Amino acid sequence: HFCIGDTLADQQPSPFDCAVSAEVKARVEA
């Protein structure tokens, strides 16, 4: 729930970067 909207950015990160960012965000929230 927390990682979807907050990981959007103006740049176009790679799918790998998105996955890493989402994982870190999810872990911090957890």
PDB file of all heavy atoms in Angstrom:
ATOM      1  N   HIS A   1       0.821  -1.210   0.000  1.00  0.00           N
ATOM      2  CA  HIS A   1       0.000   0.000   0.000  1.00  0.00           C
ATOM      3  C   HIS A   1       0.852   1.255   0.000  1.00  0.00           C
ATOM      4  O   HIS A   1       0.541   2.230  -0.681  1.00  0.00           O
ATOM      5  CB  HIS A   1      -0.903  -0.011   1.227  1.00  0.00           C
ATOM      6  CG  HIS A   1      -1.672   1.261   1.419  1.00  0.00           C
ATOM      7  ND1 HIS A   1      -2.816   1.552   0.717  1.00  0.00           N
ATOM      8  CD2 HIS A   1      -1.427   2.329   2.206  1.00  0.00           C
ATOM      9  CE1 HIS A   1      -3.262   2.742   1.088  1.00  0.00           C
ATOM     10  NE2 HIS A   1      -2.432   3.226   1.988  1.00  0.00           N
ATOM     11  N   PHE A   2       1.972   1.241   0.743  1.00  0.00           N
ATOM     12  CA  PHE A   2       2.741   2.451   0.884  1.00  0.00           C
ATOM     13  C   PHE A   2       3.696   2.717  -0.267  1.00  0.00           C
ATOM     14  O   PHE A   2       4.093   3.838  -0.484  1.00  0.00           O
ATOM     15  CB  PHE A   2       3.573   2.397   2.180  1.00  0.00           C
ATOM     16  CG  PHE A   2       2.777   2.699   3.398  1.00  0.00           C
ATOM     17  CD1 PHE A   2       2.536   1.729   4.338  1.00  0.00           C
ATOM     18  CD2 PHE A   2       2.262   3.959   3.601  1.00  0.00           C
ATOM     19  CE1 PHE A   2       1.808   2.012   5.466  1.00  0.00           C
ATOM     20  CE2 PHE A   2       1.531   4.255   4.727  1.00  0.00           C
ATOM     21  CZ  PHE A   2       1.306   3.285   5.661  1.00  0.00           C
ATOM     22  N   CYS A   3       4.096   1.700  -1.007  1.00  0.00           N
ATOM     23  CA  CYS A   3       5.211   1.905  -1.917  1.00  0.00           C
ATOM     24  C   CYS A   3       4.779   2.299  -3.316  1.00  0.00           C
ATOM     25  O   CYS A   3       5.595   2.741  -4.108  1.00  0.00           O
ATOM     26  CB  CYS A   3       6.087   0.650  -1.981  1.00  0.00           C
ATOM     27  SG  CYS A   3       5.310  -0.738  -2.827  1.00  0.00           S
ATOM     28  N   ILE A   4       3.512   2.164  -3.668  1.00  0.00           N
ATOM     29  CA  ILE A   4       3.112   2.369  -5.060  1.00  0.00           C
ATOM     30  C   ILE A   4       3.252   3.818  -5.496  1.00  0.00           C
ATOM     31  O   ILE A   4       4.036   4.149  -6.375  1.00  0.00           O
ATOM     32  CB  ILE A   4       1.670   1.878  -5.284  1.00  0.00           C
ATOM     33  CG1 ILE A   4       1.615   0.367  -5.066  1.00  0.00           C
ATOM     34  CG2 ILE A   4       1.196   2.225  -6.688  1.00  0.00           C
ATOM     35  CD1 ILE A   4       0.226  -0.205  -5.165  1.00  0.00           C
ATOM     36  N   GLY A   5       2.481   4.721  -4.876  1.00  0.00           N
ATOM     37  CA  GLY A   5       2.504   6.107  -5.312  1.00  0.00           C
ATOM     38  C   GLY A   5       3.799   6.819  -4.969  1.00  0.00           C
ATOM     39  O   GLY A   5       4.258   7.675  -5.720  1.00  0.00           O
ATOM     40  N   ASP A   6       4.399   6.460  -3.813  1.00  0.00           N
ATOM     41  CA  ASP A   6       5.557   7.209  -3.352  1.00  0.00           C
ATOM     42  C   ASP A   6       6.819   6.919  -4.148  1.00  0.00           C
ATOM     43  O   ASP A   6       7.799   7.647  -4.023  1.00  0.00           O
ATOM     44  CB  ASP A   6       5.824   6.900  -1.856  1.00  0.00           C
ATOM     45  CG  ASP A   6       4.695   7.417  -0.978  1.00  0.00           C
ATOM     46  OD1 ASP A   6       4.012   8.351  -1.422  1.00  0.00           O
ATOM     47  OD2 ASP A   6       4.515   6.893   0.122  1.00  0.00           O
ATOM     48  N   THR A   7       6.840   5.864  -4.929  1.00  0.00           N
ATOM     49  CA  THR A   7       8.045   5.538  -5.677  1.00  0.00           C
ATOM     50  C   THR A   7       8.034   6.126  -7.080  1.00  0.00           C
ATOM     51  O   THR A   7       8.979   5.943  -7.837  1.00  0.00           O
ATOM     52  CB  THR A   7       8.220   4.005  -5.781  1.00  0.00           C
ATOM     53  OG1 THR A   7       7.036   3.438  -6.343  1.00  0.00           O
ATOM     54  CG2 THR A   7       8.494   3.394  -4.420  1.00  0.00           C
ATOM     55  N   LEU A   8       6.949   6.851  -7.446  1.00  0.00           N
ATOM     56  CA  LEU A   8       6.896   7.488  -8.753  1.00  0.00           C
ATOM     57  C   LEU A   8       7.825   8.694  -8.770  1.00  0.00           C
ATOM     58  O   LEU A   8       7.905   9.445  -7.811  1.00  0.00           O
ATOM     59  CB  LEU A   8       5.465   7.937  -9.069  1.00  0.00           C
ATOM     60  CG  LEU A   8       4.436   6.806  -9.174  1.00  0.00           C
ATOM     61  CD1 LEU A   8       3.059   7.404  -9.427  1.00  0.00           C
ATOM     62  CD2 LEU A   8       4.801   5.842 -10.293  1.00  0.00           C
ATOM     63  N   ALA A   9       8.506   8.910  -9.881  1.00  0.00           N
ATOM     64  CA  ALA A   9       9.431  10.034  -9.996  1.00  0.00           C
ATOM     65  C   ALA A   9       9.402  10.570 -11.414  1.00  0.00           C
ATOM     66  O   ALA A   9       8.903   9.918 -12.333  1.00  0.00           O
ATOM     67  CB  ALA A   9      10.850   9.591  -9.627  1.00  0.00           C
ATOM     68  N   ASP A  10       9.957  11.775 -11.589  1.00  0.00           N
ATOM     69  CA  ASP A  10       9.975  12.388 -12.908  1.00  0.00           C
ATOM     70  C   ASP A  10      10.924  11.637 -13.848  1.00  0.00           C
ATOM     71  O   ASP A  10      10.708  11.548 -15.039  1.00  0.00           O
ATOM     72  CB  ASP A  10      10.411  13.852 -12.810  1.00  0.00           C
ATOM     73  CG  ASP A  10       9.371  14.692 -12.084  1.00  0.00           C
ATOM     74  OD1 ASP A  10       8.184  14.295 -12.113  1.00  0.00           O
ATOM     75  OD2 ASP A  10       9.751  15.718 -11.516  1.00  0.00           O
ATOM     76  N   GLN A  11      12.040  11.137 -13.307  1.00  0.00           N
ATOM     77  CA  GLN A  11      12.978  10.381 -14.123  1.00  0.00           C
ATOM     78  C   GLN A  11      12.360   9.038 -14.503  1.00  0.00           C
ATOM     79  O   GLN A  11      11.354   8.639 -13.968  1.00  0.00           O
ATOM     80  CB  GLN A  11      14.283  10.165 -13.361  1.00  0.00           C
ATOM     81  CG  GLN A  11      15.019  11.458 -13.008  1.00  0.00           C
ATOM     82  CD  GLN A  11      14.500  12.102 -11.752  1.00  0.00           C
ATOM     83  OE1 GLN A  11      13.657  11.532 -11.067  1.00  0.00           O
ATOM     84  NE2 GLN A  11      14.993  13.288 -11.458  1.00  0.00           N
ATOM     85  N   GLN A  12      13.022   8.368 -15.427  1.00  0.00           N
ATOM     86  CA  GLN A  12      12.565   7.057 -15.865  1.00  0.00           C
ATOM     87  C   GLN A  12      13.548   5.993 -15.389  1.00  0.00           C
ATOM     88  O   GLN A  12      14.466   5.605 -16.114  1.00  0.00           O
ATOM     89  CB  GLN A  12      12.443   7.024 -17.405  1.00  0.00           C
ATOM     90  CG  GLN A  12      11.389   7.963 -17.960  1.00  0.00           C
ATOM     91  CD  GLN A  12       9.990   7.540 -17.535  1.00  0.00           C
ATOM     92  OE1 GLN A  12       9.690   6.359 -17.433  1.00  0.00           O
ATOM     93  NE2 GLN A  12       9.127   8.517 -17.300  1.00  0.00           N
ATOM     94  N   PRO A  13      13.409   5.521 -14.160  1.00  0.00           N
ATOM     95  CA  PRO A  13      14.342   4.512 -13.655  1.00  0.00           C
ATOM     96  C   PRO A  13      14.117   3.168 -14.329  1.00  0.00           C
ATOM     97  O   PRO A  13      13.050   2.900 -14.867  1.00  0.00           O
ATOM     98  CB  PRO A  13      14.001   4.436 -12.159  1.00  0.00           C
ATOM     99  CG  PRO A  13      12.567   4.848 -12.097  1.00  0.00           C
ATOM    100  CD  PRO A  13      12.383   5.878 -13.179  1.00  0.00           C
ATOM    101  N   SER A  14      15.139   2.343 -14.259  1.00  0.00           N
ATOM    102  CA  SER A  14      15.025   1.018 -14.841  1.00  0.00           C
ATOM    103  C   SER A  14      14.108   0.149 -13.991  1.00  0.00           C
ATOM    104  O   SER A  14      13.868   0.460 -12.821  1.00  0.00           O
ATOM    105  CB  SER A  14      16.408   0.366 -14.907  1.00  0.00           C
ATOM    106  OG  SER A  14      16.869   0.070 -13.593  1.00  0.00           O
ATOM    107  N   PRO A  15      13.586  -0.941 -14.547  1.00  0.00           N
ATOM    108  CA  PRO A  15      12.758  -1.854 -13.746  1.00  0.00           C
ATOM    109  C   PRO A  15      13.487  -2.347 -12.504  1.00  0.00           C
ATOM    110  O   PRO A  15      12.880  -2.516 -11.438  1.00  0.00           O
ATOM    111  CB  PRO A  15      12.449  -2.990 -14.718  1.00  0.00           C
ATOM    112  CG  PRO A  15      12.502  -2.340 -16.060  1.00  0.00           C
ATOM    113  CD  PRO A  15      13.610  -1.324 -15.962  1.00  0.00           C
ATOM    114  N   PHE A  16      14.805  -2.562 -12.627  1.00  0.00           N
ATOM    115  CA  PHE A  16      15.579  -3.016 -11.468  1.00  0.00           C
ATOM    116  C   PHE A  16      15.595  -1.940 -10.385  1.00  0.00           C
ATOM    117  O   PHE A  16      15.402  -2.234  -9.197  1.00  0.00           O
ATOM    118  CB  PHE A  16      17.015  -3.345 -11.883  1.00  0.00           C
ATOM    119  CG  PHE A  16      17.904  -3.712 -10.729  1.00  0.00           C
ATOM    120  CD1 PHE A  16      17.843  -4.973 -10.146  1.00  0.00           C
ATOM    121  CD2 PHE A  16      18.796  -2.776 -10.209  1.00  0.00           C
ATOM    122  CE1 PHE A  16      18.657  -5.295  -9.075  1.00  0.00           C
ATOM    123  CE2 PHE A  16      19.617  -3.100  -9.133  1.00  0.00           C
ATOM    124  CZ  PHE A  16      19.549  -4.359  -8.569  1.00  0.00           C
ATOM    125  N   ASP A  17      15.833  -0.682 -10.797  1.00  0.00           N
ATOM    126  CA  ASP A  17      15.841   0.416  -9.822  1.00  0.00           C
ATOM    127  C   ASP A  17      14.486   0.548  -9.128  1.00  0.00           C
ATOM    128  O   ASP A  17      14.417   0.802  -7.927  1.00  0.00           O
ATOM    129  CB  ASP A  17      16.181   1.739 -10.516  1.00  0.00           C
ATOM    130  CG  ASP A  17      17.639   1.798 -10.957  1.00  0.00           C
ATOM    131  OD1 ASP A  17      18.451   1.083 -10.358  1.00  0.00           O
ATOM    132  OD2 ASP A  17      17.939   2.544 -11.904  1.00  0.00           O
ATOM    133  N   CYS A  18      13.418   0.376  -9.909  1.00  0.00           N
ATOM    134  CA  CYS A  18      12.073   0.441  -9.329  1.00  0.00           C
ATOM    135  C   CYS A  18      11.874  -0.658  -8.289  1.00  0.00           C
ATOM    136  O   CYS A  18      11.306  -0.416  -7.227  1.00  0.00           O
ATOM    137  CB  CYS A  18      11.020   0.299 -10.431  1.00  0.00           C
ATOM    138  SG  CYS A  18      10.866   1.748 -11.488  1.00  0.00           S
ATOM    139  N   ALA A  19      12.350  -1.854  -8.625  1.00  0.00           N
ATOM    140  CA  ALA A  19      12.185  -2.980  -7.708  1.00  0.00           C
ATOM    141  C   ALA A  19      12.956  -2.754  -6.422  1.00  0.00           C
ATOM    142  O   ALA A  19      12.455  -3.004  -5.316  1.00  0.00           O
ATOM    143  CB  ALA A  19      12.639  -4.274  -8.378  1.00  0.00           C
ATOM    144  N   VAL A  20      14.187  -2.251  -6.551  1.00  0.00           N
ATOM    145  CA  VAL A  20      15.012  -1.993  -5.368  1.00  0.00           C
ATOM    146  C   VAL A  20      14.384  -0.896  -4.519  1.00  0.00           C
ATOM    147  O   VAL A  20      14.287  -1.011  -3.294  1.00  0.00           O
ATOM    148  CB  VAL A  20      16.448  -1.590  -5.779  1.00  0.00           C
ATOM    149  CG1 VAL A  20      17.232  -1.096  -4.563  1.00  0.00           C
ATOM    150  CG2 VAL A  20      17.157  -2.770  -6.425  1.00  0.00           C
ATOM    151  N   SER A  21      13.931   0.188  -5.172  1.00  0.00           N
ATOM    152  CA  SER A  21      13.312   1.294  -4.442  1.00  0.00           C
ATOM    153  C   SER A  21      12.063   0.838  -3.708  1.00  0.00           C
ATOM    154  O   SER A  21      11.839   1.194  -2.553  1.00  0.00           O
ATOM    155  CB  SER A  21      12.968   2.426  -5.423  1.00  0.00           C
ATOM    156  OG  SER A  21      12.299   3.470  -4.756  1.00  0.00           O
ATOM    157  N   ALA A  22      11.243   0.028  -4.382  1.00  0.00           N
ATOM    158  CA  ALA A  22      10.017  -0.469  -3.760  1.00  0.00           C
ATOM    159  C   ALA A  22      10.340  -1.368  -2.578  1.00  0.00           C
ATOM    160  O   ALA A  22       9.673  -1.312  -1.540  1.00  0.00           O
ATOM    161  CB  ALA A  22       9.176  -1.222  -4.785  1.00  0.00           C
ATOM    162  N   GLU A  23      11.381  -2.185  -2.711  1.00  0.00           N
ATOM    163  CA  GLU A  23      11.753  -3.096  -1.625  1.00  0.00           C
ATOM    164  C   GLU A  23      12.233  -2.316  -0.406  1.00  0.00           C
ATOM    165  O   GLU A  23      11.851  -2.623   0.730  1.00  0.00           O
ATOM    166  CB  GLU A  23      12.847  -4.053  -2.087  1.00  0.00           C
ATOM    167  CG  GLU A  23      13.256  -5.055  -1.010  1.00  0.00           C
ATOM    168  CD  GLU A  23      14.382  -5.969  -1.437  1.00  0.00           C
ATOM    169  OE1 GLU A  23      14.870  -5.820  -2.574  1.00  0.00           O
ATOM    170  OE2 GLU A  23      14.787  -6.836  -0.627  1.00  0.00           O
ATOM    171  N   VAL A  24      13.058  -1.305  -0.646  1.00  0.00           N
ATOM    172  CA  VAL A  24      13.571  -0.499   0.458  1.00  0.00           C
ATOM    173  C   VAL A  24      12.428   0.247   1.135  1.00  0.00           C
ATOM    174  O   VAL A  24      12.322   0.292   2.360  1.00  0.00           O
ATOM    175  CB  VAL A  24      14.642   0.493  -0.038  1.00  0.00           C
ATOM    176  CG1 VAL A  24      15.022   1.478   1.077  1.00  0.00           C
ATOM    177  CG2 VAL A  24      15.878  -0.266  -0.511  1.00  0.00           C
ATOM    178  N   LYS A  25      11.552   0.837   0.309  1.00  0.00           N
ATOM    179  CA  LYS A  25      10.408   1.566   0.855  1.00  0.00           C
ATOM    180  C   LYS A  25       9.532   0.651   1.703  1.00  0.00           C
ATOM    181  O   LYS A  25       9.122   1.007   2.819  1.00  0.00           O
ATOM    182  CB  LYS A  25       9.590   2.146  -0.307  1.00  0.00           C
ATOM    183  CG  LYS A  25       8.286   2.817   0.095  1.00  0.00           C
ATOM    184  CD  LYS A  25       8.523   4.081   0.876  1.00  0.00           C
ATOM    185  CE  LYS A  25       7.203   4.787   1.137  1.00  0.00           C
ATOM    186  NZ  LYS A  25       7.383   5.984   2.001  1.00  0.00           N
ATOM    187  N   ALA A  26       9.264  -0.541   1.183  1.00  0.00           N
ATOM    188  CA  ALA A  26       8.430  -1.486   1.906  1.00  0.00           C
ATOM    189  C   ALA A  26       9.088  -1.902   3.217  1.00  0.00           C
ATOM    190  O   ALA A  26       8.427  -2.040   4.252  1.00  0.00           O
ATOM    191  CB  ALA A  26       8.153  -2.714   1.038  1.00  0.00           C
ATOM    192  N   ARG A  27      10.410  -2.106   3.181  1.00  0.00           N
ATOM    193  CA  ARG A  27      11.113  -2.540   4.389  1.00  0.00           C
ATOM    194  C   ARG A  27      11.118  -1.444   5.448  1.00  0.00           C
ATOM    195  O   ARG A  27      10.943  -1.717   6.641  1.00  0.00           O
ATOM    196  CB  ARG A  27      12.545  -2.935   4.026  1.00  0.00           C
ATOM    197  CG  ARG A  27      13.373  -3.419   5.210  1.00  0.00           C
ATOM    198  CD  ARG A  27      12.688  -4.502   5.993  1.00  0.00           C
ATOM    199  NE  ARG A  27      12.329  -5.649   5.163  1.00  0.00           N
ATOM    200  CZ  ARG A  27      11.706  -6.724   5.616  1.00  0.00           C
ATOM    201  NH1 ARG A  27      11.335  -6.788   6.889  1.00  0.00           N
ATOM    202  NH2 ARG A  27      11.426  -7.721   4.806  1.00  0.00           N
ATOM    203  N   VAL A  28      11.301  -0.193   5.017  1.00  0.00           N
ATOM    204  CA  VAL A  28      11.278   0.918   5.971  1.00  0.00           C
ATOM    205  C   VAL A  28       9.898   1.036   6.619  1.00  0.00           C
ATOM    206  O   VAL A  28       9.772   1.216   7.825  1.00  0.00           O
ATOM    207  CB  VAL A  28      11.662   2.238   5.276  1.00  0.00           C
ATOM    208  CG1 VAL A  28      11.407   3.434   6.199  1.00  0.00           C
ATOM    209  CG2 VAL A  28      13.137   2.206   4.870  1.00  0.00           C
ATOM    210  N   GLU A  29       8.853   0.909   5.802  1.00  0.00           N
ATOM    211  CA  GLU A  29       7.492   0.988   6.342  1.00  0.00           C
ATOM    212  C   GLU A  29       7.230  -0.171   7.303  1.00  0.00           C
ATOM    213  O   GLU A  29       6.592   0.007   8.344  1.00  0.00           O
ATOM    214  CB  GLU A  29       6.462   0.968   5.203  1.00  0.00           C
ATOM    215  CG  GLU A  29       6.486   2.203   4.319  1.00  0.00           C
ATOM    216  CD  GLU A  29       5.935   3.438   5.020  1.00  0.00           C
ATOM    217  OE1 GLU A  29       5.460   3.325   6.156  1.00  0.00           O
ATOM    218  OE2 GLU A  29       5.980   4.524   4.403  1.00  0.00           O
ATOM    219  N   ALA A  30       7.711  -1.366   6.950  1.00  0.00           N
ATOM    220  CA  ALA A  30       7.517  -2.528   7.823  1.00  0.00           C
ATOM    221  C   ALA A  30       8.255  -2.334   9.150  1.00  0.00           C
ATOM    222  O   ALA A  30       7.733  -2.658  10.221  1.00  0.00           O
ATOM    223  CB  ALA A  30       7.987  -3.796   7.117  1.00  0.00           C
TER     224      ALA A  30
END
